[in-house]
Amino acid sequence: MQDEQRLIEALIARAAEDARAFRSQNPDDVPGERWIENSYTAALPLAKDSSGIDPGLGPHPQLFDAYRREIESLLGQRGEHRETNSDLAQQPTPGEN
């Protein structure tokens, strides 16, 4: 478990770097699902190298979840962003008073 924790910590560090880069390029936006998936795909090999841990082939949902949580904690979630966008504010149903 200690090895996996080192890999998760390296992945979280990569997520923080990715979040800073995203914010500098997109100051008023939050990342979508595809951006998070693509960034994770790029970050995982770098985290493996920096931690010296290779979890092997296969899906690693716990690693992706850790990366996603860090990105969302730093940048917010797409749903949160939409709620604050005045263009998407709920309009009254016709006939409501």
PDB file of N, CA and C in Angstrom:
ATOM      1  N   MET A   1       0.822  -1.198   0.000  1.00  0.00           N
ATOM      2  CA  MET A   1       0.000   0.000   0.000  1.00  0.00           C
ATOM      3  C   MET A   1       0.861   1.255   0.000  1.00  0.00           C
ATOM      4  N   GLN A   2       2.000   1.207   0.608  1.00  0.00           N
ATOM      5  CA  GLN A   2       2.876   2.363   0.661  1.00  0.00           C
ATOM      6  C   GLN A   2       3.320   2.756  -0.755  1.00  0.00           C
ATOM      7  N   ASP A   3       3.599   1.776  -1.620  1.00  0.00           N
ATOM      8  CA  ASP A   3       3.979   2.073  -2.990  1.00  0.00           C
ATOM      9  C   ASP A   3       2.856   2.786  -3.724  1.00  0.00           C
ATOM     10  N   GLU A   4       1.633   2.293  -3.570  1.00  0.00           N
ATOM     11  CA  GLU A   4       0.498   2.929  -4.228  1.00  0.00           C
ATOM     12  C   GLU A   4       0.311   4.358  -3.723  1.00  0.00           C
ATOM     13  N   GLN A   5       0.525   4.583  -2.449  1.00  0.00           N
ATOM     14  CA  GLN A   5       0.379   5.924  -1.894  1.00  0.00           C
ATOM     15  C   GLN A   5       1.421   6.869  -2.481  1.00  0.00           C
ATOM     16  N   ARG A   6       2.647   6.390  -2.668  1.00  0.00           N
ATOM     17  CA  ARG A   6       3.684   7.232  -3.296  1.00  0.00           C
ATOM     18  C   ARG A   6       3.288   7.594  -4.720  1.00  0.00           C
ATOM     19  N   LEU A   7       2.725   6.641  -5.451  1.00  0.00           N
ATOM     20  CA  LEU A   7       2.277   6.901  -6.814  1.00  0.00           C
ATOM     21  C   LEU A   7       1.123   7.903  -6.813  1.00  0.00           C
ATOM     22  N   ILE A   8       0.184   7.752  -5.892  1.00  0.00           N
ATOM     23  CA  ILE A   8      -0.938   8.689  -5.793  1.00  0.00           C
ATOM     24  C   ILE A   8      -0.435  10.090  -5.466  1.00  0.00           C
ATOM     25  N   GLU A   9       0.520  10.203  -4.571  1.00  0.00           N
ATOM     26  CA  GLU A   9       1.073  11.520  -4.242  1.00  0.00           C
ATOM     27  C   GLU A   9       1.755  12.152  -5.449  1.00  0.00           C
ATOM     28  N   ALA A  10       2.477  11.352  -6.226  1.00  0.00           N
ATOM     29  CA  ALA A  10       3.110  11.871  -7.445  1.00  0.00           C
ATOM     30  C   ALA A  10       2.054  12.292  -8.458  1.00  0.00           C
ATOM     31  N   LEU A  11       0.985  11.539  -8.545  1.00  0.00           N
ATOM     32  CA  LEU A  11      -0.097  11.866  -9.470  1.00  0.00           C
ATOM     33  C   LEU A  11      -0.816  13.144  -9.040  1.00  0.00           C
ATOM     34  N   ILE A  12      -1.004  13.331  -7.759  1.00  0.00           N
ATOM     35  CA  ILE A  12      -1.624  14.548  -7.239  1.00  0.00           C
ATOM     36  C   ILE A  12      -0.729  15.759  -7.526  1.00  0.00           C
ATOM     37  N   ALA A  13       0.574  15.583  -7.410  1.00  0.00           N
ATOM     38  CA  ALA A  13       1.494  16.673  -7.745  1.00  0.00           C
ATOM     39  C   ALA A  13       1.375  17.033  -9.226  1.00  0.00           C
ATOM     40  N   ARG A  14       1.250  16.027 -10.079  1.00  0.00           N
ATOM     41  CA  ARG A  14       1.060  16.288 -11.516  1.00  0.00           C
ATOM     42  C   ARG A  14      -0.269  16.991 -11.745  1.00  0.00           C
ATOM     43  N   ALA A  15      -1.306  16.590 -11.032  1.00  0.00           N
ATOM     44  CA  ALA A  15      -2.619  17.228 -11.182  1.00  0.00           C
ATOM     45  C   ALA A  15      -2.529  18.706 -10.819  1.00  0.00           C
ATOM     46  N   ALA A  16      -1.778  19.039  -9.783  1.00  0.00           N
ATOM     47  CA  ALA A  16      -1.621  20.435  -9.392  1.00  0.00           C
ATOM     48  C   ALA A  16      -0.925  21.225 -10.495  1.00  0.00           C
ATOM     49  N   GLU A  17       0.090  20.645 -11.107  1.00  0.00           N
ATOM     50  CA  GLU A  17       0.771  21.314 -12.223  1.00  0.00           C
ATOM     51  C   GLU A  17      -0.175  21.475 -13.408  1.00  0.00           C
ATOM     52  N   ASP A  18      -0.934  20.430 -13.707  1.00  0.00           N
ATOM     53  CA  ASP A  18      -1.886  20.494 -14.819  1.00  0.00           C
ATOM     54  C   ASP A  18      -2.966  21.541 -14.555  1.00  0.00           C
ATOM     55  N   ALA A  19      -3.409  21.629 -13.316  1.00  0.00           N
ATOM     56  CA  ALA A  19      -4.437  22.611 -12.962  1.00  0.00           C
ATOM     57  C   ALA A  19      -3.902  24.031 -13.133  1.00  0.00           C
ATOM     58  N   ARG A  20      -2.657  24.266 -12.718  1.00  0.00           N
ATOM     59  CA  ARG A  20      -2.065  25.597 -12.904  1.00  0.00           C
ATOM     60  C   ARG A  20      -1.978  25.953 -14.384  1.00  0.00           C
ATOM     61  N   ALA A  21      -1.565  24.987 -15.210  1.00  0.00           N
ATOM     62  CA  ALA A  21      -1.462  25.241 -16.652  1.00  0.00           C
ATOM     63  C   ALA A  21      -2.847  25.509 -17.251  1.00  0.00           C
ATOM     64  N   PHE A  22      -3.836  24.736 -16.842  1.00  0.00           N
ATOM     65  CA  PHE A  22      -5.194  24.943 -17.343  1.00  0.00           C
ATOM     66  C   PHE A  22      -5.688  26.330 -16.968  1.00  0.00           C
ATOM     67  N   ARG A  23      -5.496  26.709 -15.706  1.00  0.00           N
ATOM     68  CA  ARG A  23      -5.983  28.001 -15.234  1.00  0.00           C
ATOM     69  C   ARG A  23      -5.298  29.148 -15.976  1.00  0.00           C
ATOM     70  N   SER A  24      -4.017  29.019 -16.274  1.00  0.00           N
ATOM     71  CA  SER A  24      -3.329  30.104 -16.978  1.00  0.00           C
ATOM     72  C   SER A  24      -3.840  30.245 -18.413  1.00  0.00           C
ATOM     73  N   GLN A  25      -4.279  29.163 -19.016  1.00  0.00           N
ATOM     74  CA  GLN A  25      -4.791  29.201 -20.388  1.00  0.00           C
ATOM     75  C   GLN A  25      -6.290  29.454 -20.448  1.00  0.00           C
ATOM     76  N   ASN A  26      -7.002  29.127 -19.383  1.00  0.00           N
ATOM     77  CA  ASN A  26      -8.466  29.236 -19.339  1.00  0.00           C
ATOM     78  C   ASN A  26      -8.896  29.852 -18.012  1.00  0.00           C
ATOM     79  N   PRO A  27      -8.646  31.147 -17.827  1.00  0.00           N
ATOM     80  CA  PRO A  27      -8.867  31.742 -16.498  1.00  0.00           C
ATOM     81  C   PRO A  27     -10.309  31.692 -15.999  1.00  0.00           C
ATOM     82  N   ASP A  28     -11.282  31.627 -16.885  1.00  0.00           N
ATOM     83  CA  ASP A  28     -12.680  31.678 -16.461  1.00  0.00           C
ATOM     84  C   ASP A  28     -13.445  30.399 -16.773  1.00  0.00           C
ATOM     85  N   ASP A  29     -12.747  29.288 -16.883  1.00  0.00           N
ATOM     86  CA  ASP A  29     -13.403  28.041 -17.275  1.00  0.00           C
ATOM     87  C   ASP A  29     -13.011  26.934 -16.309  1.00  0.00           C
ATOM     88  N   VAL A  30     -13.736  25.841 -16.371  1.00  0.00           N
ATOM     89  CA  VAL A  30     -13.384  24.622 -15.641  1.00  0.00           C
ATOM     90  C   VAL A  30     -13.223  23.515 -16.663  1.00  0.00           C
ATOM     91  N   PRO A  31     -12.383  22.534 -16.373  1.00  0.00           N
ATOM     92  CA  PRO A  31     -12.132  21.488 -17.366  1.00  0.00           C
ATOM     93  C   PRO A  31     -13.322  20.545 -17.527  1.00  0.00           C
ATOM     94  N   GLY A  32     -13.477  20.062 -18.730  1.00  0.00           N
ATOM     95  CA  GLY A  32     -14.489  19.051 -19.015  1.00  0.00           C
ATOM     96  C   GLY A  32     -13.924  17.655 -18.805  1.00  0.00           C
ATOM     97  N   GLU A  33     -14.795  16.692 -18.950  1.00  0.00           N
ATOM     98  CA  GLU A  33     -14.425  15.295 -18.732  1.00  0.00           C
ATOM     99  C   GLU A  33     -13.285  14.864 -19.651  1.00  0.00           C
ATOM    100  N   ARG A  34     -13.362  15.236 -20.915  1.00  0.00           N
ATOM    101  CA  ARG A  34     -12.333  14.823 -21.880  1.00  0.00           C
ATOM    102  C   ARG A  34     -10.973  15.404 -21.510  1.00  0.00           C
ATOM    103  N   TRP A  35     -10.945  16.660 -21.086  1.00  0.00           N
ATOM    104  CA  TRP A  35      -9.671  17.272 -20.690  1.00  0.00           C
ATOM    105  C   TRP A  35      -9.078  16.520 -19.499  1.00  0.00           C
ATOM    106  N   ILE A  36      -9.909  16.197 -18.522  1.00  0.00           N
ATOM    107  CA  ILE A  36      -9.422  15.473 -17.343  1.00  0.00           C
ATOM    108  C   ILE A  36      -8.875  14.107 -17.748  1.00  0.00           C
ATOM    109  N   GLU A  37      -9.594  13.385 -18.593  1.00  0.00           N
ATOM    110  CA  GLU A  37      -9.132  12.059 -19.028  1.00  0.00           C
ATOM    111  C   GLU A  37      -7.819  12.157 -19.799  1.00  0.00           C
ATOM    112  N   ASN A  38      -7.726  13.111 -20.724  1.00  0.00           N
ATOM    113  CA  ASN A  38      -6.499  13.266 -21.508  1.00  0.00           C
ATOM    114  C   ASN A  38      -5.323  13.683 -20.626  1.00  0.00           C
ATOM    115  N   SER A  39      -5.568  14.573 -19.696  1.00  0.00           N
ATOM    116  CA  SER A  39      -4.501  15.022 -18.811  1.00  0.00           C
ATOM    117  C   SER A  39      -4.030  13.888 -17.903  1.00  0.00           C
ATOM    118  N   TYR A  40      -4.973  13.091 -17.418  1.00  0.00           N
ATOM    119  CA  TYR A  40      -4.604  11.935 -16.595  1.00  0.00           C
ATOM    120  C   TYR A  40      -3.739  10.961 -17.395  1.00  0.00           C
ATOM    121  N   THR A  41      -4.127  10.717 -18.644  1.00  0.00           N
ATOM    122  CA  THR A  41      -3.382   9.794 -19.498  1.00  0.00           C
ATOM    123  C   THR A  41      -1.942  10.274 -19.670  1.00  0.00           C
ATOM    124  N   ALA A  42      -1.758  11.575 -19.792  1.00  0.00           N
ATOM    125  CA  ALA A  42      -0.409  12.128 -19.919  1.00  0.00           C
ATOM    126  C   ALA A  42       0.321  12.155 -18.573  1.00  0.00           C
ATOM    127  N   ALA A  43      -0.405  12.376 -17.494  1.00  0.00           N
ATOM    128  CA  ALA A  43       0.215  12.509 -16.175  1.00  0.00           C
ATOM    129  C   ALA A  43       0.659  11.178 -15.575  1.00  0.00           C
ATOM    130  N   LEU A  44      -0.054  10.109 -15.874  1.00  0.00           N
ATOM    131  CA  LEU A  44       0.247   8.824 -15.238  1.00  0.00           C
ATOM    132  C   LEU A  44       1.680   8.350 -15.497  1.00  0.00           C
ATOM    133  N   PRO A  45       2.168   8.344 -16.751  1.00  0.00           N
ATOM    134  CA  PRO A  45       3.553   7.899 -16.944  1.00  0.00           C
ATOM    135  C   PRO A  45       4.576   8.791 -16.233  1.00  0.00           C
ATOM    136  N   LEU A  46       4.297  10.085 -16.169  1.00  0.00           N
ATOM    137  CA  LEU A  46       5.200  10.992 -15.472  1.00  0.00           C
ATOM    138  C   LEU A  46       5.200  10.719 -13.971  1.00  0.00           C
ATOM    139  N   ALA A  47       4.024  10.432 -13.424  1.00  0.00           N
ATOM    140  CA  ALA A  47       3.927  10.100 -11.999  1.00  0.00           C
ATOM    141  C   ALA A  47       4.621   8.770 -11.705  1.00  0.00           C
ATOM    142  N   LYS A  48       4.489   7.819 -12.613  1.00  0.00           N
ATOM    143  CA  LYS A  48       5.194   6.539 -12.448  1.00  0.00           C
ATOM    144  C   LYS A  48       6.694   6.767 -12.393  1.00  0.00           C
ATOM    145  N   ASP A  49       7.193   7.590 -13.321  1.00  0.00           N
ATOM    146  CA  ASP A  49       8.633   7.861 -13.366  1.00  0.00           C
ATOM    147  C   ASP A  49       9.110   8.557 -12.097  1.00  0.00           C
ATOM    148  N   SER A  50       8.375   9.572 -11.657  1.00  0.00           N
ATOM    149  CA  SER A  50       8.839  10.326 -10.498  1.00  0.00           C
ATOM    150  C   SER A  50       8.724   9.537  -9.191  1.00  0.00           C
ATOM    151  N   SER A  51       7.758   8.626  -9.125  1.00  0.00           N
ATOM    152  CA  SER A  51       7.596   7.838  -7.893  1.00  0.00           C
ATOM    153  C   SER A  51       8.406   6.544  -7.917  1.00  0.00           C
ATOM    154  N   GLY A  52       8.784   6.128  -9.123  1.00  0.00           N
ATOM    155  CA  GLY A  52       9.487   4.851  -9.247  1.00  0.00           C
ATOM    156  C   GLY A  52       8.562   3.659  -9.082  1.00  0.00           C
ATOM    157  N   ILE A  53       7.266   3.873  -9.176  1.00  0.00           N
ATOM    158  CA  ILE A  53       6.266   2.819  -8.979  1.00  0.00           C
ATOM    159  C   ILE A  53       5.511   2.605 -10.282  1.00  0.00           C
ATOM    160  N   ASP A  54       5.387   1.356 -10.685  1.00  0.00           N
ATOM    161  CA  ASP A  54       4.599   1.013 -11.866  1.00  0.00           C
ATOM    162  C   ASP A  54       3.515   0.025 -11.441  1.00  0.00           C
ATOM    163  N   PRO A  55       2.244   0.439 -11.496  1.00  0.00           N
ATOM    164  CA  PRO A  55       1.167  -0.440 -11.041  1.00  0.00           C
ATOM    165  C   PRO A  55       0.842  -1.556 -12.030  1.00  0.00           C
ATOM    166  N   GLY A  56       1.497  -1.578 -13.172  1.00  0.00           N
ATOM    167  CA  GLY A  56       1.238  -2.610 -14.174  1.00  0.00           C
ATOM    168  C   GLY A  56       0.116  -2.205 -15.105  1.00  0.00           C
ATOM    169  N   LEU A  57      -0.179  -3.092 -16.018  1.00  0.00           N
ATOM    170  CA  LEU A  57      -1.220  -2.829 -17.005  1.00  0.00           C
ATOM    171  C   LEU A  57      -2.603  -2.933 -16.389  1.00  0.00           C
ATOM    172  N   GLY A  58      -3.538  -2.349 -17.093  1.00  0.00           N
ATOM    173  CA  GLY A  58      -4.921  -2.470 -16.648  1.00  0.00           C
ATOM    174  C   GLY A  58      -5.476  -1.159 -16.157  1.00  0.00           C
ATOM    175  N   PRO A  59      -6.770  -1.096 -15.987  1.00  0.00           N
ATOM    176  CA  PRO A  59      -7.373   0.127 -15.459  1.00  0.00           C
ATOM    177  C   PRO A  59      -7.026   0.277 -13.976  1.00  0.00           C
ATOM    178  N   HIS A  60      -6.857   1.495 -13.581  1.00  0.00           N
ATOM    179  CA  HIS A  60      -6.537   1.805 -12.187  1.00  0.00           C
ATOM    180  C   HIS A  60      -7.486   2.913 -11.732  1.00  0.00           C
ATOM    181  N   PRO A  61      -8.740   2.553 -11.466  1.00  0.00           N
ATOM    182  CA  PRO A  61      -9.735   3.582 -11.146  1.00  0.00           C
ATOM    183  C   PRO A  61      -9.377   4.408  -9.914  1.00  0.00           C
ATOM    184  N   GLN A  62      -8.704   3.826  -8.943  1.00  0.00           N
ATOM    185  CA  GLN A  62      -8.344   4.586  -7.748  1.00  0.00           C
ATOM    186  C   GLN A  62      -7.344   5.692  -8.087  1.00  0.00           C
ATOM    187  N   LEU A  63      -6.477   5.461  -9.074  1.00  0.00           N
ATOM    188  CA  LEU A  63      -5.522   6.488  -9.479  1.00  0.00           C
ATOM    189  C   LEU A  63      -6.238   7.607 -10.227  1.00  0.00           C
ATOM    190  N   PHE A  64      -7.130   7.231 -11.135  1.00  0.00           N
ATOM    191  CA  PHE A  64      -7.880   8.243 -11.874  1.00  0.00           C
ATOM    192  C   PHE A  64      -8.747   9.062 -10.922  1.00  0.00           C
ATOM    193  N   ASP A  65      -9.380   8.404  -9.962  1.00  0.00           N
ATOM    194  CA  ASP A  65     -10.218   9.121  -8.988  1.00  0.00           C
ATOM    195  C   ASP A  65      -9.403  10.129  -8.185  1.00  0.00           C
ATOM    196  N   ALA A  66      -8.194   9.742  -7.777  1.00  0.00           N
ATOM    197  CA  ALA A  66      -7.336  10.655  -7.021  1.00  0.00           C
ATOM    198  C   ALA A  66      -6.965  11.863  -7.878  1.00  0.00           C
ATOM    199  N   TYR A  67      -6.641  11.619  -9.136  1.00  0.00           N
ATOM    200  CA  TYR A  67      -6.291  12.710 -10.055  1.00  0.00           C
ATOM    201  C   TYR A  67      -7.487  13.628 -10.261  1.00  0.00           C
ATOM    202  N   ARG A  68      -8.649  13.049 -10.542  1.00  0.00           N
ATOM    203  CA  ARG A  68      -9.858  13.840 -10.774  1.00  0.00           C
ATOM    204  C   ARG A  68     -10.215  14.683  -9.543  1.00  0.00           C
ATOM    205  N   ARG A  69     -10.168  14.087  -8.361  1.00  0.00           N
ATOM    206  CA  ARG A  69     -10.500  14.827  -7.140  1.00  0.00           C
ATOM    207  C   ARG A  69      -9.585  16.036  -6.961  1.00  0.00           C
ATOM    208  N   GLU A  70      -8.294  15.857  -7.248  1.00  0.00           N
ATOM    209  CA  GLU A  70      -7.365  16.979  -7.097  1.00  0.00           C
ATOM    210  C   GLU A  70      -7.664  18.076  -8.115  1.00  0.00           C
ATOM    211  N   ILE A  71      -7.896  17.695  -9.364  1.00  0.00           N
ATOM    212  CA  ILE A  71      -8.238  18.678 -10.397  1.00  0.00           C
ATOM    213  C   ILE A  71      -9.505  19.430  -9.986  1.00  0.00           C
ATOM    214  N   GLU A  72     -10.533  18.711  -9.578  1.00  0.00           N
ATOM    215  CA  GLU A  72     -11.804  19.347  -9.216  1.00  0.00           C
ATOM    216  C   GLU A  72     -11.663  20.211  -7.965  1.00  0.00           C
ATOM    217  N   SER A  73     -10.815  19.813  -7.032  1.00  0.00           N
ATOM    218  CA  SER A  73     -10.639  20.633  -5.830  1.00  0.00           C
ATOM    219  C   SER A  73      -9.930  21.942  -6.155  1.00  0.00           C
ATOM    220  N   LEU A  74      -9.094  21.936  -7.177  1.00  0.00           N
ATOM    221  CA  LEU A  74      -8.350  23.137  -7.547  1.00  0.00           C
ATOM    222  C   LEU A  74      -9.080  24.015  -8.554  1.00  0.00           C
ATOM    223  N   LEU A  75      -9.853  23.389  -9.442  1.00  0.00           N
ATOM    224  CA  LEU A  75     -10.466  24.137 -10.545  1.00  0.00           C
ATOM    225  C   LEU A  75     -11.986  24.170 -10.508  1.00  0.00           C
ATOM    226  N   GLY A  76     -12.604  23.348  -9.691  1.00  0.00           N
ATOM    227  CA  GLY A  76     -14.061  23.264  -9.670  1.00  0.00           C
ATOM    228  C   GLY A  76     -14.551  22.191 -10.635  1.00  0.00           C
ATOM    229  N   GLN A  77     -15.844  22.011 -10.631  1.00  0.00           N
ATOM    230  CA  GLN A  77     -16.466  21.004 -11.489  1.00  0.00           C
ATOM    231  C   GLN A  77     -17.316  21.688 -12.534  1.00  0.00           C
ATOM    232  N   ARG A  78     -17.492  21.025 -13.649  1.00  0.00           N
ATOM    233  CA  ARG A  78     -18.268  21.591 -14.753  1.00  0.00           C
ATOM    234  C   ARG A  78     -19.670  21.971 -14.280  1.00  0.00           C
ATOM    235  N   GLY A  79     -20.339  21.167 -13.482  1.00  0.00           N
ATOM    236  CA  GLY A  79     -21.677  21.469 -12.998  1.00  0.00           C
ATOM    237  C   GLY A  79     -21.718  22.720 -12.136  1.00  0.00           C
ATOM    238  N   GLU A  80     -20.688  22.915 -11.291  1.00  0.00           N
ATOM    239  CA  GLU A  80     -20.637  24.107 -10.448  1.00  0.00           C
ATOM    240  C   GLU A  80     -20.519  25.358 -11.304  1.00  0.00           C
ATOM    241  N   HIS A  81     -19.709  25.275 -12.350  1.00  0.00           N
ATOM    242  CA  HIS A  81     -19.501  26.420 -13.228  1.00  0.00           C
ATOM    243  C   HIS A  81     -20.796  26.791 -13.937  1.00  0.00           C
ATOM    244  N   ARG A  82     -21.533  25.806 -14.398  1.00  0.00           N
ATOM    245  CA  ARG A  82     -22.756  26.056 -15.145  1.00  0.00           C
ATOM    246  C   ARG A  82     -23.801  26.747 -14.276  1.00  0.00           C
ATOM    247  N   GLU A  83     -23.856  26.402 -13.008  1.00  0.00           N
ATOM    248  CA  GLU A  83     -24.852  27.004 -12.133  1.00  0.00           C
ATOM    249  C   GLU A  83     -24.620  28.491 -11.952  1.00  0.00           C
ATOM    250  N   THR A  84     -23.385  28.943 -12.057  1.00  0.00           N
ATOM    251  CA  THR A  84     -23.094  30.356 -11.860  1.00  0.00           C
ATOM    252  C   THR A  84     -23.187  31.138 -13.158  1.00  0.00           C
ATOM    253  N   ASN A  85     -23.375  30.475 -14.278  1.00  0.00           N
ATOM    254  CA  ASN A  85     -23.443  31.132 -15.575  1.00  0.00           C
ATOM    255  C   ASN A  85     -24.851  31.684 -15.773  1.00  0.00           C
ATOM    256  N   SER A  86     -24.973  33.002 -15.909  1.00  0.00           N
ATOM    257  CA  SER A  86     -26.296  33.620 -16.000  1.00  0.00           C
ATOM    258  C   SER A  86     -27.051  33.192 -17.253  1.00  0.00           C
ATOM    259  N   ASP A  87     -26.343  32.786 -18.307  1.00  0.00           N
ATOM    260  CA  ASP A  87     -27.011  32.332 -19.526  1.00  0.00           C
ATOM    261  C   ASP A  87     -27.795  31.046 -19.286  1.00  0.00           C
ATOM    262  N   LEU A  88     -27.408  30.305 -18.262  1.00  0.00           N
ATOM    263  CA  LEU A  88     -28.051  29.022 -18.010  1.00  0.00           C
ATOM    264  C   LEU A  88     -29.004  29.079 -16.818  1.00  0.00           C
ATOM    265  N   ALA A  89     -29.319  30.260 -16.368  1.00  0.00           N
ATOM    266  CA  ALA A  89     -30.239  30.392 -15.240  1.00  0.00           C
ATOM    267  C   ALA A  89     -31.611  29.857 -15.636  1.00  0.00           C
ATOM    268  N   GLN A  90     -32.265  29.230 -14.694  1.00  0.00           N
ATOM    269  CA  GLN A  90     -33.575  28.657 -14.971  1.00  0.00           C
ATOM    270  C   GLN A  90     -34.570  29.775 -15.279  1.00  0.00           C
ATOM    271  N   GLN A  91     -35.263  29.595 -16.369  1.00  0.00           N
ATOM    272  CA  GLN A  91     -36.288  30.549 -16.776  1.00  0.00           C
ATOM    273  C   GLN A  91     -37.633  30.080 -16.271  1.00  0.00           C
ATOM    274  N   PRO A  92     -38.545  31.005 -15.987  1.00  0.00           N
ATOM    275  CA  PRO A  92     -39.877  30.578 -15.519  1.00  0.00           C
ATOM    276  C   PRO A  92     -40.618  29.828 -16.618  1.00  0.00           C
ATOM    277  N   THR A  93     -41.403  28.881 -16.207  1.00  0.00           N
ATOM    278  CA  THR A  93     -42.228  28.138 -17.138  1.00  0.00           C
ATOM    279  C   THR A  93     -43.333  29.073 -17.667  1.00  0.00           C
ATOM    280  N   PRO A  94     -43.590  29.060 -18.971  1.00  0.00           N
ATOM    281  CA  PRO A  94     -44.649  29.929 -19.486  1.00  0.00           C
ATOM    282  C   PRO A  94     -45.944  29.704 -18.727  1.00  0.00           C
ATOM    283  N   GLY A  95     -46.579  30.800 -18.351  1.00  0.00           N
ATOM    284  CA  GLY A  95     -47.830  30.710 -17.612  1.00  0.00           C
ATOM    285  C   GLY A  95     -47.663  30.811 -16.117  1.00  0.00           C
ATOM    286  N   GLU A  96     -46.375  30.693 -15.616  1.00  0.00           N
ATOM    287  CA  GLU A  96     -46.138  30.841 -14.186  1.00  0.00           C
ATOM    288  C   GLU A  96     -46.138  32.308 -13.816  1.00  0.00           C
ATOM    289  N   ASN A  97     -46.657  32.618 -12.655  1.00  0.00           N
ATOM    290  CA  ASN A  97     -46.649  34.017 -12.194  1.00  0.00           C
ATOM    291  C   ASN A  97     -45.864  34.143 -10.948  1.00  0.00           C
TER     292      ASN A  97
END
